[in-house]
Amino acid sequence: MSTSDGSKLLVWFNQAKCYFDLREIPEISKLRDARICLMGSAQIWLQLEEKSKPFVGWG
């Protein structure tokens, strides 16, 4: 799975969904796997989101 700095997040998100489907990644592991691919402002955004509300699903 590729990394993202948040500049083309929708493209990255769709690629991640395809990756998760192809690899049959369990729902519980998707956020953990995605977290290591976010960089810079995207990583900061995720940290702030996780503090303000719990993650309920990949979508």
PDB file of N, CA and C in Angstrom:
ATOM      1  N   MET A   1       0.854  -1.166   0.000  1.00  0.00           N
ATOM      2  CA  MET A   1       0.000   0.000   0.000  1.00  0.00           C
ATOM      3  C   MET A   1       0.901   1.231   0.000  1.00  0.00           C
ATOM      4  N   SER A   2       0.517   2.224  -0.780  1.00  0.00           N
ATOM      5  CA  SER A   2       1.334   3.426  -0.892  1.00  0.00           C
ATOM      6  C   SER A   2       1.112   4.369   0.289  1.00  0.00           C
ATOM      7  N   THR A   3       2.010   5.345   0.416  1.00  0.00           N
ATOM      8  CA  THR A   3       1.877   6.337   1.476  1.00  0.00           C
ATOM      9  C   THR A   3       1.084   7.532   0.969  1.00  0.00           C
ATOM     10  N   SER A   4       0.586   8.353   1.908  1.00  0.00           N
ATOM     11  CA  SER A   4      -0.148   9.562   1.546  1.00  0.00           C
ATOM     12  C   SER A   4       0.198  10.679   2.509  1.00  0.00           C
ATOM     13  N   ASP A   5       0.384  11.868   1.945  1.00  0.00           N
ATOM     14  CA  ASP A   5       0.595  13.051   2.769  1.00  0.00           C
ATOM     15  C   ASP A   5      -0.701  13.857   2.909  1.00  0.00           C
ATOM     16  N   GLY A   6      -1.775  13.336   2.342  1.00  0.00           N
ATOM     17  CA  GLY A   6      -3.077  13.987   2.426  1.00  0.00           C
ATOM     18  C   GLY A   6      -3.432  14.807   1.204  1.00  0.00           C
ATOM     19  N   SER A   7      -2.491  15.006   0.282  1.00  0.00           N
ATOM     20  CA  SER A   7      -2.757  15.864  -0.871  1.00  0.00           C
ATOM     21  C   SER A   7      -3.727  15.221  -1.869  1.00  0.00           C
ATOM     22  N   LYS A   8      -3.731  13.921  -1.978  1.00  0.00           N
ATOM     23  CA  LYS A   8      -4.654  13.200  -2.866  1.00  0.00           C
ATOM     24  C   LYS A   8      -5.294  12.077  -2.066  1.00  0.00           C
ATOM     25  N   LEU A   9      -5.920  12.466  -0.976  1.00  0.00           N
ATOM     26  CA  LEU A   9      -6.412  11.484  -0.017  1.00  0.00           C
ATOM     27  C   LEU A   9      -7.510  10.594  -0.580  1.00  0.00           C
ATOM     28  N   LEU A  10      -8.398  11.120  -1.395  1.00  0.00           N
ATOM     29  CA  LEU A  10      -9.473  10.299  -1.954  1.00  0.00           C
ATOM     30  C   LEU A  10      -8.911   9.212  -2.869  1.00  0.00           C
ATOM     31  N   VAL A  11      -7.925   9.556  -3.677  1.00  0.00           N
ATOM     32  CA  VAL A  11      -7.280   8.565  -4.546  1.00  0.00           C
ATOM     33  C   VAL A  11      -6.619   7.490  -3.688  1.00  0.00           C
ATOM     34  N   TRP A  12      -5.880   7.917  -2.655  1.00  0.00           N
ATOM     35  CA  TRP A  12      -5.217   6.970  -1.767  1.00  0.00           C
ATOM     36  C   TRP A  12      -6.233   6.077  -1.057  1.00  0.00           C
ATOM     37  N   PHE A  13      -7.330   6.678  -0.582  1.00  0.00           N
ATOM     38  CA  PHE A  13      -8.363   5.928   0.122  1.00  0.00           C
ATOM     39  C   PHE A  13      -8.941   4.833  -0.776  1.00  0.00           C
ATOM     40  N   ASN A  14      -9.236   5.155  -2.017  1.00  0.00           N
ATOM     41  CA  ASN A  14      -9.783   4.154  -2.944  1.00  0.00           C
ATOM     42  C   ASN A  14      -8.772   3.051  -3.228  1.00  0.00           C
ATOM     43  N   GLN A  15      -7.496   3.409  -3.346  1.00  0.00           N
ATOM     44  CA  GLN A  15      -6.454   2.394  -3.536  1.00  0.00           C
ATOM     45  C   GLN A  15      -6.340   1.500  -2.307  1.00  0.00           C
ATOM     46  N   ALA A  16      -6.441   2.109  -1.134  1.00  0.00           N
ATOM     47  CA  ALA A  16      -6.372   1.335   0.103  1.00  0.00           C
ATOM     48  C   ALA A  16      -7.536   0.350   0.190  1.00  0.00           C
ATOM     49  N   LYS A  17      -8.739   0.796  -0.161  1.00  0.00           N
ATOM     50  CA  LYS A  17      -9.895  -0.101  -0.144  1.00  0.00           C
ATOM     51  C   LYS A  17      -9.669  -1.296  -1.061  1.00  0.00           C
ATOM     52  N   CYS A  18      -9.128  -1.058  -2.243  1.00  0.00           N
ATOM     53  CA  CYS A  18      -8.836  -2.158  -3.172  1.00  0.00           C
ATOM     54  C   CYS A  18      -7.794  -3.099  -2.578  1.00  0.00           C
ATOM     55  N   TYR A  19      -6.751  -2.531  -1.992  1.00  0.00           N
ATOM     56  CA  TYR A  19      -5.702  -3.333  -1.352  1.00  0.00           C
ATOM     57  C   TYR A  19      -6.298  -4.207  -0.249  1.00  0.00           C
ATOM     58  N   PHE A  20      -7.121  -3.622   0.602  1.00  0.00           N
ATOM     59  CA  PHE A  20      -7.725  -4.374   1.701  1.00  0.00           C
ATOM     60  C   PHE A  20      -8.602  -5.500   1.176  1.00  0.00           C
ATOM     61  N   ASP A  21      -9.360  -5.230   0.116  1.00  0.00           N
ATOM     62  CA  ASP A  21     -10.215  -6.262  -0.471  1.00  0.00           C
ATOM     63  C   ASP A  21      -9.382  -7.393  -1.083  1.00  0.00           C
ATOM     64  N   LEU A  22      -8.352  -7.029  -1.835  1.00  0.00           N
ATOM     65  CA  LEU A  22      -7.518  -8.049  -2.479  1.00  0.00           C
ATOM     66  C   LEU A  22      -6.790  -8.928  -1.472  1.00  0.00           C
ATOM     67  N   ARG A  23      -6.320  -8.317  -0.406  1.00  0.00           N
ATOM     68  CA  ARG A  23      -5.576  -9.049   0.616  1.00  0.00           C
ATOM     69  C   ARG A  23      -6.468  -9.647   1.705  1.00  0.00           C
ATOM     70  N   GLU A  24      -7.771  -9.371   1.604  1.00  0.00           N
ATOM     71  CA  GLU A  24      -8.750  -9.840   2.592  1.00  0.00           C
ATOM     72  C   GLU A  24      -8.338  -9.452   4.009  1.00  0.00           C
ATOM     73  N   ILE A  25      -7.978  -8.167   4.163  1.00  0.00           N
ATOM     74  CA  ILE A  25      -7.563  -7.626   5.452  1.00  0.00           C
ATOM     75  C   ILE A  25      -8.793  -7.507   6.346  1.00  0.00           C
ATOM     76  N   PRO A  26      -8.759  -8.044   7.557  1.00  0.00           N
ATOM     77  CA  PRO A  26      -9.905  -7.930   8.460  1.00  0.00           C
ATOM     78  C   PRO A  26     -10.167  -6.469   8.836  1.00  0.00           C
ATOM     79  N   GLU A  27     -11.422  -6.140   9.045  1.00  0.00           N
ATOM     80  CA  GLU A  27     -11.845  -4.776   9.375  1.00  0.00           C
ATOM     81  C   GLU A  27     -11.034  -4.212  10.542  1.00  0.00           C
ATOM     82  N   ILE A  28     -10.798  -5.022  11.539  1.00  0.00           N
ATOM     83  CA  ILE A  28     -10.098  -4.566  12.748  1.00  0.00           C
ATOM     84  C   ILE A  28      -8.657  -4.143  12.458  1.00  0.00           C
ATOM     85  N   SER A  29      -8.063  -4.655  11.376  1.00  0.00           N
ATOM     86  CA  SER A  29      -6.667  -4.364  11.047  1.00  0.00           C
ATOM     87  C   SER A  29      -6.497  -3.197  10.071  1.00  0.00           C
ATOM     88  N   LYS A  30      -7.556  -2.775   9.427  1.00  0.00           N
ATOM     89  CA  LYS A  30      -7.439  -1.769   8.368  1.00  0.00           C
ATOM     90  C   LYS A  30      -6.904  -0.435   8.868  1.00  0.00           C
ATOM     91  N   LEU A  31      -7.398   0.060   9.978  1.00  0.00           N
ATOM     92  CA  LEU A  31      -6.926   1.343  10.480  1.00  0.00           C
ATOM     93  C   LEU A  31      -5.462   1.250  10.899  1.00  0.00           C
ATOM     94  N   ARG A  32      -5.091   0.168  11.542  1.00  0.00           N
ATOM     95  CA  ARG A  32      -3.691  -0.021  11.924  1.00  0.00           C
ATOM     96  C   ARG A  32      -2.793   0.002  10.696  1.00  0.00           C
ATOM     97  N   ASP A  33      -3.193  -0.703   9.653  1.00  0.00           N
ATOM     98  CA  ASP A  33      -2.401  -0.754   8.430  1.00  0.00           C
ATOM     99  C   ASP A  33      -2.361   0.601   7.733  1.00  0.00           C
ATOM    100  N   ALA A  34      -3.479   1.291   7.709  1.00  0.00           N
ATOM    101  CA  ALA A  34      -3.536   2.609   7.070  1.00  0.00           C
ATOM    102  C   ALA A  34      -2.706   3.623   7.835  1.00  0.00           C
ATOM    103  N   ARG A  35      -2.707   3.531   9.136  1.00  0.00           N
ATOM    104  CA  ARG A  35      -1.994   4.493   9.988  1.00  0.00           C
ATOM    105  C   ARG A  35      -0.504   4.570   9.629  1.00  0.00           C
ATOM    106  N   ILE A  36       0.105   3.448   9.303  1.00  0.00           N
ATOM    107  CA  ILE A  36       1.535   3.460   8.996  1.00  0.00           C
ATOM    108  C   ILE A  36       1.837   4.052   7.620  1.00  0.00           C
ATOM    109  N   CYS A  37       0.805   4.255   6.803  1.00  0.00           N
ATOM    110  CA  CYS A  37       0.998   4.810   5.461  1.00  0.00           C
ATOM    111  C   CYS A  37       0.726   6.306   5.385  1.00  0.00           C
ATOM    112  N   LEU A  38       0.216   6.892   6.451  1.00  0.00           N
ATOM    113  CA  LEU A  38      -0.061   8.328   6.442  1.00  0.00           C
ATOM    114  C   LEU A  38       1.153   9.094   6.921  1.00  0.00           C
ATOM    115  N   MET A  39       1.409  10.211   6.259  1.00  0.00           N
ATOM    116  CA  MET A  39       2.581  11.024   6.580  1.00  0.00           C
ATOM    117  C   MET A  39       2.171  12.490   6.702  1.00  0.00           C
ATOM    118  N   GLY A  40       2.985  13.261   7.381  1.00  0.00           N
ATOM    119  CA  GLY A  40       2.797  14.706   7.449  1.00  0.00           C
ATOM    120  C   GLY A  40       1.440  15.126   7.967  1.00  0.00           C
ATOM    121  N   SER A  41       0.783  16.015   7.217  1.00  0.00           N
ATOM    122  CA  SER A  41      -0.502  16.568   7.666  1.00  0.00           C
ATOM    123  C   SER A  41      -1.593  15.499   7.764  1.00  0.00           C
ATOM    124  N   ALA A  42      -1.515  14.458   6.927  1.00  0.00           N
ATOM    125  CA  ALA A  42      -2.504  13.385   7.002  1.00  0.00           C
ATOM    126  C   ALA A  42      -2.384  12.614   8.315  1.00  0.00           C
ATOM    127  N   GLN A  43      -1.166  12.406   8.761  1.00  0.00           N
ATOM    128  CA  GLN A  43      -0.932  11.713  10.027  1.00  0.00           C
ATOM    129  C   GLN A  43      -1.427  12.556  11.208  1.00  0.00           C
ATOM    130  N   ILE A  44      -1.161  13.837  11.159  1.00  0.00           N
ATOM    131  CA  ILE A  44      -1.627  14.741  12.214  1.00  0.00           C
ATOM    132  C   ILE A  44      -3.155  14.774  12.244  1.00  0.00           C
ATOM    133  N   TRP A  45      -3.776  14.842  11.072  1.00  0.00           N
ATOM    134  CA  TRP A  45      -5.240  14.844  10.994  1.00  0.00           C
ATOM    135  C   TRP A  45      -5.810  13.585  11.656  1.00  0.00           C
ATOM    136  N   LEU A  46      -5.244  12.418  11.342  1.00  0.00           N
ATOM    137  CA  LEU A  46      -5.752  11.169  11.914  1.00  0.00           C
ATOM    138  C   LEU A  46      -5.612  11.165  13.432  1.00  0.00           C
ATOM    139  N   GLN A  47      -4.497  11.633  13.936  1.00  0.00           N
ATOM    140  CA  GLN A  47      -4.299  11.679  15.386  1.00  0.00           C
ATOM    141  C   GLN A  47      -5.357  12.564  16.055  1.00  0.00           C
ATOM    142  N   LEU A  48      -5.654  13.709  15.457  1.00  0.00           N
ATOM    143  CA  LEU A  48      -6.676  14.599  16.015  1.00  0.00           C
ATOM    144  C   LEU A  48      -8.067  13.963  15.945  1.00  0.00           C
ATOM    145  N   GLU A  49      -8.354  13.292  14.843  1.00  0.00           N
ATOM    146  CA  GLU A  49      -9.644  12.615  14.690  1.00  0.00           C
ATOM    147  C   GLU A  49      -9.814  11.513  15.731  1.00  0.00           C
ATOM    148  N   GLU A  50      -8.763  10.755  15.949  1.00  0.00           N
ATOM    149  CA  GLU A  50      -8.840   9.647  16.908  1.00  0.00           C
ATOM    150  C   GLU A  50      -9.082  10.161  18.329  1.00  0.00           C
ATOM    151  N   LYS A  51      -8.569  11.329  18.630  1.00  0.00           N
ATOM    152  CA  LYS A  51      -8.784  11.906  19.958  1.00  0.00           C
ATOM    153  C   LYS A  51     -10.204  12.431  20.131  1.00  0.00           C
ATOM    154  N   SER A  52     -10.799  12.931  19.047  1.00  0.00           N
ATOM    155  CA  SER A  52     -12.118  13.556  19.156  1.00  0.00           C
ATOM    156  C   SER A  52     -13.278  12.566  19.037  1.00  0.00           C
ATOM    157  N   LYS A  53     -13.100  11.484  18.294  1.00  0.00           N
ATOM    158  CA  LYS A  53     -14.172  10.493  18.141  1.00  0.00           C
ATOM    159  C   LYS A  53     -13.582   9.136  17.768  1.00  0.00           C
ATOM    160  N   PRO A  54     -14.222   8.081  18.216  1.00  0.00           N
ATOM    161  CA  PRO A  54     -13.702   6.732  17.920  1.00  0.00           C
ATOM    162  C   PRO A  54     -13.933   6.352  16.452  1.00  0.00           C
ATOM    163  N   PHE A  55     -13.050   5.551  15.937  1.00  0.00           N
ATOM    164  CA  PHE A  55     -13.184   5.034  14.578  1.00  0.00           C
ATOM    165  C   PHE A  55     -14.217   3.913  14.580  1.00  0.00           C
ATOM    166  N   VAL A  56     -15.234   4.018  13.725  1.00  0.00           N
ATOM    167  CA  VAL A  56     -16.311   3.020  13.735  1.00  0.00           C
ATOM    168  C   VAL A  56     -16.273   2.080  12.534  1.00  0.00           C
ATOM    169  N   GLY A  57     -15.509   2.383  11.537  1.00  0.00           N
ATOM    170  CA  GLY A  57     -15.427   1.477  10.399  1.00  0.00           C
ATOM    171  C   GLY A  57     -14.731   2.144   9.230  1.00  0.00           C
ATOM    172  N   TRP A  58     -14.302   1.335   8.317  1.00  0.00           N
ATOM    173  CA  TRP A  58     -13.545   1.834   7.190  1.00  0.00           C
ATOM    174  C   TRP A  58     -14.439   2.564   6.179  1.00  0.00           C
ATOM    175  N   GLY A  59     -15.670   2.211   6.100  1.00  0.00           N
ATOM    176  CA  GLY A  59     -16.577   2.927   5.191  1.00  0.00           C
ATOM    177  C   GLY A  59     -17.010   2.081   4.116  1.00  0.00           C
TER     178      GLY A  59
END
